[in-house]
Amino acid sequence: MNILCSIHARGGSSGIKNKNIKLICSKPLITHTIDQAKKVQLFSEIVVSTDSLKIQKIAIQNKVSSWFLRNKKLSSNHAAKILAIRDTLIRSESFFKKNFDIIVDLDATSPLRNVADIKNALIFFKKKSFEILFSVCDARKNPYFNMIEVVNNKVKIVKKRKFSIVRRQDAPKVYEANASIYIWKRDALLKNETLFTKKTGVFVMPVERSMDIDNKLDFEIVSYLMKKNALKK
């Protein structure tokens, strides 16, 4: 079985300048995800897709493939990531001259996950015969209990039930997509524009390994946690 691992990292970032190459624990952020991918030892190929020559250079220095620069249309703030991942699959099949059965995308901004998370997500994906799987964690807020929206100047709960929910513990279980691990069967990635199909599954990760770096505060928290974890080793 051929498994492609893709890592996507744009040069630009609206939240933190040069986020993907910003140093965290003395290494560029993207390097932590590259290291994890290599340690999994299940991937036929590891490919970094980027629009940045600096990021491409880091990828090559770390002995993973990065032979193309992603076009501007797939690198804008408004571009759907699934289209960039599909582009990487198509380019990789042409470059390596083989089809891939499974595609695993690891987000460079979620370095707190560990190698076991990636391996266990793959095992779960295969065992349940999903066509798409993505990682989640327990949600810190619940749309049935403590998430509100304002519609026509009226404040209301996001999701209302026939009966009132007065305790968080009584609200339906919900999860938060943690932007860490995404897995597709080849045909599912090529045919679907969405993650949500009848054969989509979720892989639950601990909250402490589920932070995605989106702004400066996220970066400071993840940096602190990674340094703390490094001291334990």
C-alpha atoms as a PDB file:
ATOM      1  CA  MET A   1       0.000   0.000   0.000  1.00  0.00           C
ATOM      2  CA  ASN A   2       1.424   3.374  -1.041  1.00  0.00           C
ATOM      3  CA  ILE A   3       0.824   6.151   1.481  1.00  0.00           C
ATOM      4  CA  LEU A   4       1.606   9.767   0.680  1.00  0.00           C
ATOM      5  CA  CYS A   5       2.258  12.200   3.526  1.00  0.00           C
ATOM      6  CA  SER A   6       1.748  15.843   2.602  1.00  0.00           C
ATOM      7  CA  ILE A   7       2.761  18.868   4.641  1.00  0.00           C
ATOM      8  CA  HIS A   8       1.449  22.232   3.455  1.00  0.00           C
ATOM      9  CA  ALA A   9       3.071  25.474   4.532  1.00  0.00           C
ATOM     10  CA  ARG A  10       2.551  28.900   3.002  1.00  0.00           C
ATOM     11  CA  GLY A  11       5.188  31.585   3.185  1.00  0.00           C
ATOM     12  CA  GLY A  12       2.636  34.219   4.154  1.00  0.00           C
ATOM     13  CA  SER A  13       0.558  34.296   7.333  1.00  0.00           C
ATOM     14  CA  SER A  14      -1.964  36.882   8.488  1.00  0.00           C
ATOM     15  CA  GLY A  15      -1.635  36.003  12.185  1.00  0.00           C
ATOM     16  CA  ILE A  16       2.142  35.648  12.605  1.00  0.00           C
ATOM     17  CA  LYS A  17       4.718  36.790  10.076  1.00  0.00           C
ATOM     18  CA  ASN A  18       6.692  33.874   8.601  1.00  0.00           C
ATOM     19  CA  LYS A  19       4.890  31.541  11.015  1.00  0.00           C
ATOM     20  CA  ASN A  20       5.978  28.255   9.446  1.00  0.00           C
ATOM     21  CA  ILE A  21       9.690  29.056   9.722  1.00  0.00           C
ATOM     22  CA  LYS A  22       9.550  30.880  13.048  1.00  0.00           C
ATOM     23  CA  LEU A  23      11.825  29.157  15.571  1.00  0.00           C
ATOM     24  CA  ILE A  24      10.225  27.051  18.258  1.00  0.00           C
ATOM     25  CA  CYS A  25      12.503  24.985  20.495  1.00  0.00           C
ATOM     26  CA  SER A  26      15.443  26.140  18.335  1.00  0.00           C
ATOM     27  CA  LYS A  27      13.973  24.753  15.088  1.00  0.00           C
ATOM     28  CA  PRO A  28      11.685  26.164  12.385  1.00  0.00           C
ATOM     29  CA  LEU A  29       8.064  25.304  13.171  1.00  0.00           C
ATOM     30  CA  ILE A  30       7.612  23.159  10.055  1.00  0.00           C
ATOM     31  CA  THR A  31      10.625  21.022  10.983  1.00  0.00           C
ATOM     32  CA  HIS A  32       8.789  19.505  13.946  1.00  0.00           C
ATOM     33  CA  THR A  33       6.084  18.122  11.645  1.00  0.00           C
ATOM     34  CA  ILE A  34       8.685  16.870   9.145  1.00  0.00           C
ATOM     35  CA  ASP A  35      10.456  15.038  11.990  1.00  0.00           C
ATOM     36  CA  GLN A  36       7.187  13.424  13.106  1.00  0.00           C
ATOM     37  CA  ALA A  37       6.360  12.297   9.571  1.00  0.00           C
ATOM     38  CA  LYS A  38       9.772  10.665   9.161  1.00  0.00           C
ATOM     39  CA  LYS A  39       9.504   8.865  12.526  1.00  0.00           C
ATOM     40  CA  VAL A  40       6.155   7.300  11.575  1.00  0.00           C
ATOM     41  CA  GLN A  41       8.036   5.095   9.051  1.00  0.00           C
ATOM     42  CA  LEU A  42       4.829   4.179   7.217  1.00  0.00           C
ATOM     43  CA  PHE A  43       4.876   6.710   4.407  1.00  0.00           C
ATOM     44  CA  SER A  44       6.038   5.859   0.911  1.00  0.00           C
ATOM     45  CA  GLU A  45       6.829   9.531   0.293  1.00  0.00           C
ATOM     46  CA  ILE A  46       6.777  12.749   2.315  1.00  0.00           C
ATOM     47  CA  VAL A  47       6.113  15.893   0.282  1.00  0.00           C
ATOM     48  CA  VAL A  48       6.163  19.525   1.383  1.00  0.00           C
ATOM     49  CA  SER A  49       3.953  21.852  -0.665  1.00  0.00           C
ATOM     50  CA  THR A  50       4.802  25.536  -0.333  1.00  0.00           C
ATOM     51  CA  ASP A  51       4.919  28.809  -2.228  1.00  0.00           C
ATOM     52  CA  SER A  52       8.093  29.829  -0.369  1.00  0.00           C
ATOM     53  CA  LEU A  53      11.687  29.191  -1.463  1.00  0.00           C
ATOM     54  CA  LYS A  54      12.799  29.456   2.194  1.00  0.00           C
ATOM     55  CA  ILE A  55      10.376  26.727   3.286  1.00  0.00           C
ATOM     56  CA  GLN A  56      11.287  24.590   0.288  1.00  0.00           C
ATOM     57  CA  LYS A  57      14.971  24.873   1.227  1.00  0.00           C
ATOM     58  CA  ILE A  58      14.218  23.750   4.800  1.00  0.00           C
ATOM     59  CA  ALA A  59      12.258  20.761   3.476  1.00  0.00           C
ATOM     60  CA  ILE A  60      15.101  19.675   1.195  1.00  0.00           C
ATOM     61  CA  GLN A  61      17.652  20.145   3.993  1.00  0.00           C
ATOM     62  CA  ASN A  62      15.529  17.801   6.110  1.00  0.00           C
ATOM     63  CA  LYS A  63      15.564  15.182   3.352  1.00  0.00           C
ATOM     64  CA  VAL A  64      11.907  15.246   2.286  1.00  0.00           C
ATOM     65  CA  SER A  65      10.604  15.990  -1.204  1.00  0.00           C
ATOM     66  CA  SER A  66       9.761  19.513  -2.363  1.00  0.00           C
ATOM     67  CA  TRP A  67      10.388  20.017  -6.080  1.00  0.00           C
ATOM     68  CA  PHE A  68       7.613  22.506  -6.970  1.00  0.00           C
ATOM     69  CA  LEU A  69       6.290  25.820  -5.717  1.00  0.00           C
ATOM     70  CA  ARG A  70       2.546  25.964  -5.186  1.00  0.00           C
ATOM     71  CA  ASN A  71       0.810  28.464  -7.463  1.00  0.00           C
ATOM     72  CA  LYS A  72      -0.603  31.715  -6.089  1.00  0.00           C
ATOM     73  CA  LYS A  73      -4.228  30.680  -6.576  1.00  0.00           C
ATOM     74  CA  LEU A  74      -3.767  27.774  -4.146  1.00  0.00           C
ATOM     75  CA  SER A  75      -1.679  29.829  -1.705  1.00  0.00           C
ATOM     76  CA  SER A  76      -3.993  32.752  -0.936  1.00  0.00           C
ATOM     77  CA  ASN A  77      -5.733  33.326   2.402  1.00  0.00           C
ATOM     78  CA  HIS A  78      -9.022  32.372   0.748  1.00  0.00           C
ATOM     79  CA  ALA A  79      -7.904  29.160  -0.986  1.00  0.00           C
ATOM     80  CA  ALA A  80      -9.460  25.905   0.223  1.00  0.00           C
ATOM     81  CA  LYS A  81      -6.717  23.677   1.625  1.00  0.00           C
ATOM     82  CA  ILE A  82      -8.324  20.543   0.208  1.00  0.00           C
ATOM     83  CA  LEU A  83      -7.591  21.855  -3.294  1.00  0.00           C
ATOM     84  CA  ALA A  84      -3.917  22.323  -2.421  1.00  0.00           C
ATOM     85  CA  ILE A  85      -3.733  18.782  -1.027  1.00  0.00           C
ATOM     86  CA  ARG A  86      -5.348  17.414  -4.183  1.00  0.00           C
ATOM     87  CA  ASP A  87      -2.806  19.366  -6.233  1.00  0.00           C
ATOM     88  CA  THR A  88       0.004  17.763  -4.210  1.00  0.00           C
ATOM     89  CA  LEU A  89      -1.424  14.293  -4.808  1.00  0.00           C
ATOM     90  CA  ILE A  90      -1.682  14.822  -8.579  1.00  0.00           C
ATOM     91  CA  ARG A  91       1.833  16.290  -8.802  1.00  0.00           C
ATOM     92  CA  SER A  92       3.264  13.500  -6.627  1.00  0.00           C
ATOM     93  CA  GLU A  93       1.717  10.708  -8.670  1.00  0.00           C
ATOM     94  CA  SER A  94       3.204  12.232 -11.801  1.00  0.00           C
ATOM     95  CA  PHE A  95       6.606  12.868 -10.196  1.00  0.00           C
ATOM     96  CA  PHE A  96       6.993   9.475  -8.491  1.00  0.00           C
ATOM     97  CA  LYS A  97       5.211   7.612 -11.308  1.00  0.00           C
ATOM     98  CA  LYS A  98       2.862   5.694  -9.026  1.00  0.00           C
ATOM     99  CA  ASN A  99      -0.596   6.017  -7.519  1.00  0.00           C
ATOM    100  CA  PHE A 100      -1.084   6.469  -3.789  1.00  0.00           C
ATOM    101  CA  ASP A 101      -3.781   4.523  -1.958  1.00  0.00           C
ATOM    102  CA  ILE A 102      -3.950   6.800   1.077  1.00  0.00           C
ATOM    103  CA  ILE A 103      -3.049  10.451   1.629  1.00  0.00           C
ATOM    104  CA  VAL A 104      -2.174  11.734   5.110  1.00  0.00           C
ATOM    105  CA  ASP A 105      -1.898  15.477   5.577  1.00  0.00           C
ATOM    106  CA  LEU A 106      -0.151  16.794   8.687  1.00  0.00           C
ATOM    107  CA  ASP A 107      -0.704  20.441   9.514  1.00  0.00           C
ATOM    108  CA  ALA A 108       2.571  22.247  10.193  1.00  0.00           C
ATOM    109  CA  THR A 109       0.911  24.479  12.783  1.00  0.00           C
ATOM    110  CA  SER A 110      -0.034  21.599  15.104  1.00  0.00           C
ATOM    111  CA  PRO A 111       3.322  20.355  16.438  1.00  0.00           C
ATOM    112  CA  LEU A 112       2.003  19.102  19.800  1.00  0.00           C
ATOM    113  CA  ARG A 113       0.667  15.855  18.323  1.00  0.00           C
ATOM    114  CA  ASN A 114       3.016  12.872  18.589  1.00  0.00           C
ATOM    115  CA  VAL A 115       4.012   9.993  16.342  1.00  0.00           C
ATOM    116  CA  ALA A 116       1.612   7.625  18.123  1.00  0.00           C
ATOM    117  CA  ASP A 117      -1.305   9.943  17.288  1.00  0.00           C
ATOM    118  CA  ILE A 118      -0.479   9.684  13.585  1.00  0.00           C
ATOM    119  CA  LYS A 119      -0.025   5.902  13.661  1.00  0.00           C
ATOM    120  CA  ASN A 120      -3.186   5.323  15.687  1.00  0.00           C
ATOM    121  CA  ALA A 121      -5.218   7.573  13.380  1.00  0.00           C
ATOM    122  CA  LEU A 122      -4.077   5.488  10.410  1.00  0.00           C
ATOM    123  CA  ILE A 123      -4.913   2.232  12.188  1.00  0.00           C
ATOM    124  CA  PHE A 124      -8.374   3.541  13.085  1.00  0.00           C
ATOM    125  CA  PHE A 125      -8.928   4.790   9.520  1.00  0.00           C
ATOM    126  CA  LYS A 126      -8.144   1.370   8.046  1.00  0.00           C
ATOM    127  CA  LYS A 127     -10.021  -0.608  10.697  1.00  0.00           C
ATOM    128  CA  LYS A 128     -13.261   1.329  10.217  1.00  0.00           C
ATOM    129  CA  SER A 129     -12.955   1.508   6.417  1.00  0.00           C
ATOM    130  CA  PHE A 130     -13.509   5.250   6.337  1.00  0.00           C
ATOM    131  CA  GLU A 131     -12.889   7.171   3.120  1.00  0.00           C
ATOM    132  CA  ILE A 132     -12.042  10.362   5.037  1.00  0.00           C
ATOM    133  CA  LEU A 133     -10.894  10.916   8.604  1.00  0.00           C
ATOM    134  CA  PHE A 134      -9.777  13.987  10.512  1.00  0.00           C
ATOM    135  CA  SER A 135      -8.615  14.549  14.068  1.00  0.00           C
ATOM    136  CA  VAL A 136     -10.663  16.255  16.771  1.00  0.00           C
ATOM    137  CA  CYS A 137     -10.614  16.856  20.513  1.00  0.00           C
ATOM    138  CA  ASP A 138     -13.298  17.419  23.121  1.00  0.00           C
ATOM    139  CA  ALA A 139     -14.799  20.866  22.527  1.00  0.00           C
ATOM    140  CA  ARG A 140     -14.159  23.500  25.163  1.00  0.00           C
ATOM    141  CA  LYS A 141     -17.436  25.237  24.297  1.00  0.00           C
ATOM    142  CA  ASN A 142     -20.777  23.643  23.454  1.00  0.00           C
ATOM    143  CA  PRO A 143     -23.253  25.124  20.915  1.00  0.00           C
ATOM    144  CA  TYR A 144     -26.135  23.587  22.883  1.00  0.00           C
ATOM    145  CA  PHE A 145     -25.086  25.255  26.147  1.00  0.00           C
ATOM    146  CA  ASN A 146     -22.613  28.152  26.123  1.00  0.00           C
ATOM    147  CA  MET A 147     -22.121  29.293  22.522  1.00  0.00           C
ATOM    148  CA  ILE A 148     -24.370  32.139  21.398  1.00  0.00           C
ATOM    149  CA  GLU A 149     -25.015  34.106  18.229  1.00  0.00           C
ATOM    150  CA  VAL A 150     -26.732  37.395  17.492  1.00  0.00           C
ATOM    151  CA  VAL A 151     -29.348  37.214  14.710  1.00  0.00           C
ATOM    152  CA  ASN A 152     -31.370  40.322  13.837  1.00  0.00           C
ATOM    153  CA  ASN A 153     -30.148  41.931  17.080  1.00  0.00           C
ATOM    154  CA  LYS A 154     -31.488  38.987  19.058  1.00  0.00           C
ATOM    155  CA  VAL A 155     -29.150  36.935  21.247  1.00  0.00           C
ATOM    156  CA  LYS A 156     -29.760  33.201  21.145  1.00  0.00           C
ATOM    157  CA  ILE A 157     -28.042  29.877  21.725  1.00  0.00           C
ATOM    158  CA  VAL A 158     -26.421  28.473  18.571  1.00  0.00           C
ATOM    159  CA  LYS A 159     -28.231  25.128  18.679  1.00  0.00           C
ATOM    160  CA  LYS A 160     -31.546  24.947  20.508  1.00  0.00           C
ATOM    161  CA  ARG A 161     -33.296  21.808  21.733  1.00  0.00           C
ATOM    162  CA  LYS A 162     -36.953  21.302  22.635  1.00  0.00           C
ATOM    163  CA  PHE A 163     -36.031  21.355  26.330  1.00  0.00           C
ATOM    164  CA  SER A 164     -33.693  23.723  28.161  1.00  0.00           C
ATOM    165  CA  ILE A 165     -30.190  22.540  29.043  1.00  0.00           C
ATOM    166  CA  VAL A 166     -29.080  23.993  32.367  1.00  0.00           C
ATOM    167  CA  ARG A 167     -25.866  21.976  32.857  1.00  0.00           C
ATOM    168  CA  ARG A 168     -22.997  21.538  30.422  1.00  0.00           C
ATOM    169  CA  GLN A 169     -22.893  17.841  31.326  1.00  0.00           C
ATOM    170  CA  ASP A 170     -26.424  17.399  29.963  1.00  0.00           C
ATOM    171  CA  ALA A 171     -25.618  18.888  26.546  1.00  0.00           C
ATOM    172  CA  PRO A 172     -24.988  16.559  23.572  1.00  0.00           C
ATOM    173  CA  LYS A 173     -21.339  15.559  23.113  1.00  0.00           C
ATOM    174  CA  VAL A 174     -19.543  17.739  20.566  1.00  0.00           C
ATOM    175  CA  TYR A 175     -15.987  17.831  19.258  1.00  0.00           C
ATOM    176  CA  GLU A 176     -13.651  20.505  17.998  1.00  0.00           C
ATOM    177  CA  ALA A 177     -11.666  19.970  14.785  1.00  0.00           C
ATOM    178  CA  ASN A 178      -8.049  20.419  15.914  1.00  0.00           C
ATOM    179  CA  ALA A 179      -6.385  20.927  12.506  1.00  0.00           C
ATOM    180  CA  SER A 180      -3.758  18.256  13.080  1.00  0.00           C
ATOM    181  CA  ILE A 181      -4.278  15.052  11.054  1.00  0.00           C
ATOM    182  CA  TYR A 182      -6.318  14.492   7.870  1.00  0.00           C
ATOM    183  CA  ILE A 183      -6.551  11.186   5.997  1.00  0.00           C
ATOM    184  CA  TRP A 184      -8.174  10.340   2.650  1.00  0.00           C
ATOM    185  CA  LYS A 185      -8.530   7.379   0.375  1.00  0.00           C
ATOM    186  CA  ARG A 186      -7.282   8.457  -3.035  1.00  0.00           C
ATOM    187  CA  ASP A 187     -10.660   8.546  -4.802  1.00  0.00           C
ATOM    188  CA  ALA A 188     -12.284  10.412  -1.910  1.00  0.00           C
ATOM    189  CA  LEU A 189      -9.717  13.208  -2.132  1.00  0.00           C
ATOM    190  CA  LEU A 190     -10.071  13.478  -5.891  1.00  0.00           C
ATOM    191  CA  LYS A 191     -13.872  13.492  -5.924  1.00  0.00           C
ATOM    192  CA  ASN A 192     -14.996  15.406  -2.820  1.00  0.00           C
ATOM    193  CA  GLU A 193     -14.900  19.150  -2.144  1.00  0.00           C
ATOM    194  CA  THR A 194     -15.764  18.608   1.519  1.00  0.00           C
ATOM    195  CA  LEU A 195     -14.578  16.551   4.478  1.00  0.00           C
ATOM    196  CA  PHE A 196     -18.113  15.535   5.355  1.00  0.00           C
ATOM    197  CA  THR A 197     -19.400  12.427   3.589  1.00  0.00           C
ATOM    198  CA  LYS A 198     -21.284   9.325   4.668  1.00  0.00           C
ATOM    199  CA  LYS A 199     -17.952   7.585   5.186  1.00  0.00           C
ATOM    200  CA  THR A 200     -16.165  10.274   7.193  1.00  0.00           C
ATOM    201  CA  GLY A 201     -14.822   9.465  10.643  1.00  0.00           C
ATOM    202  CA  VAL A 202     -13.111  11.390  13.416  1.00  0.00           C
ATOM    203  CA  PHE A 203     -10.073  10.469  15.495  1.00  0.00           C
ATOM    204  CA  VAL A 204     -10.187  11.873  19.036  1.00  0.00           C
ATOM    205  CA  MET A 205      -6.962  13.334  20.429  1.00  0.00           C
ATOM    206  CA  PRO A 206      -6.297  14.773  23.900  1.00  0.00           C
ATOM    207  CA  VAL A 207      -6.865  18.499  24.292  1.00  0.00           C
ATOM    208  CA  GLU A 208      -3.268  18.962  25.479  1.00  0.00           C
ATOM    209  CA  ARG A 209      -1.979  17.819  22.071  1.00  0.00           C
ATOM    210  CA  SER A 210      -4.586  19.650  20.014  1.00  0.00           C
ATOM    211  CA  MET A 211      -3.564  23.305  19.887  1.00  0.00           C
ATOM    212  CA  ASP A 212      -3.270  24.815  16.413  1.00  0.00           C
ATOM    213  CA  ILE A 213      -1.051  27.906  16.125  1.00  0.00           C
ATOM    214  CA  ASP A 214      -3.121  30.713  14.661  1.00  0.00           C
ATOM    215  CA  ASN A 215      -1.911  33.806  16.524  1.00  0.00           C
ATOM    216  CA  LYS A 216       0.898  35.051  18.764  1.00  0.00           C
ATOM    217  CA  LEU A 217      -0.729  33.797  21.962  1.00  0.00           C
ATOM    218  CA  ASP A 218      -1.104  30.295  20.477  1.00  0.00           C
ATOM    219  CA  PHE A 219       2.573  30.384  19.496  1.00  0.00           C
ATOM    220  CA  GLU A 220       3.665  31.362  23.005  1.00  0.00           C
ATOM    221  CA  ILE A 221       1.550  28.627  24.620  1.00  0.00           C
ATOM    222  CA  VAL A 222       2.718  25.904  22.210  1.00  0.00           C
ATOM    223  CA  SER A 223       6.329  27.026  22.604  1.00  0.00           C
ATOM    224  CA  TYR A 224       6.013  26.795  26.391  1.00  0.00           C
ATOM    225  CA  LEU A 225       4.413  23.346  26.250  1.00  0.00           C
ATOM    226  CA  MET A 226       7.018  22.004  23.805  1.00  0.00           C
ATOM    227  CA  LYS A 227       9.885  23.261  25.966  1.00  0.00           C
ATOM    228  CA  LYS A 228       8.201  21.708  29.020  1.00  0.00           C
ATOM    229  CA  ASN A 229       7.770  18.376  27.209  1.00  0.00           C
ATOM    230  CA  ALA A 230      11.399  18.462  26.023  1.00  0.00           C
ATOM    231  CA  LEU A 231      12.610  18.839  29.615  1.00  0.00           C
ATOM    232  CA  LYS A 232      10.680  15.691  30.596  1.00  0.00           C
ATOM    233  CA  LYS A 233      12.523  13.557  28.027  1.00  0.00           C
END
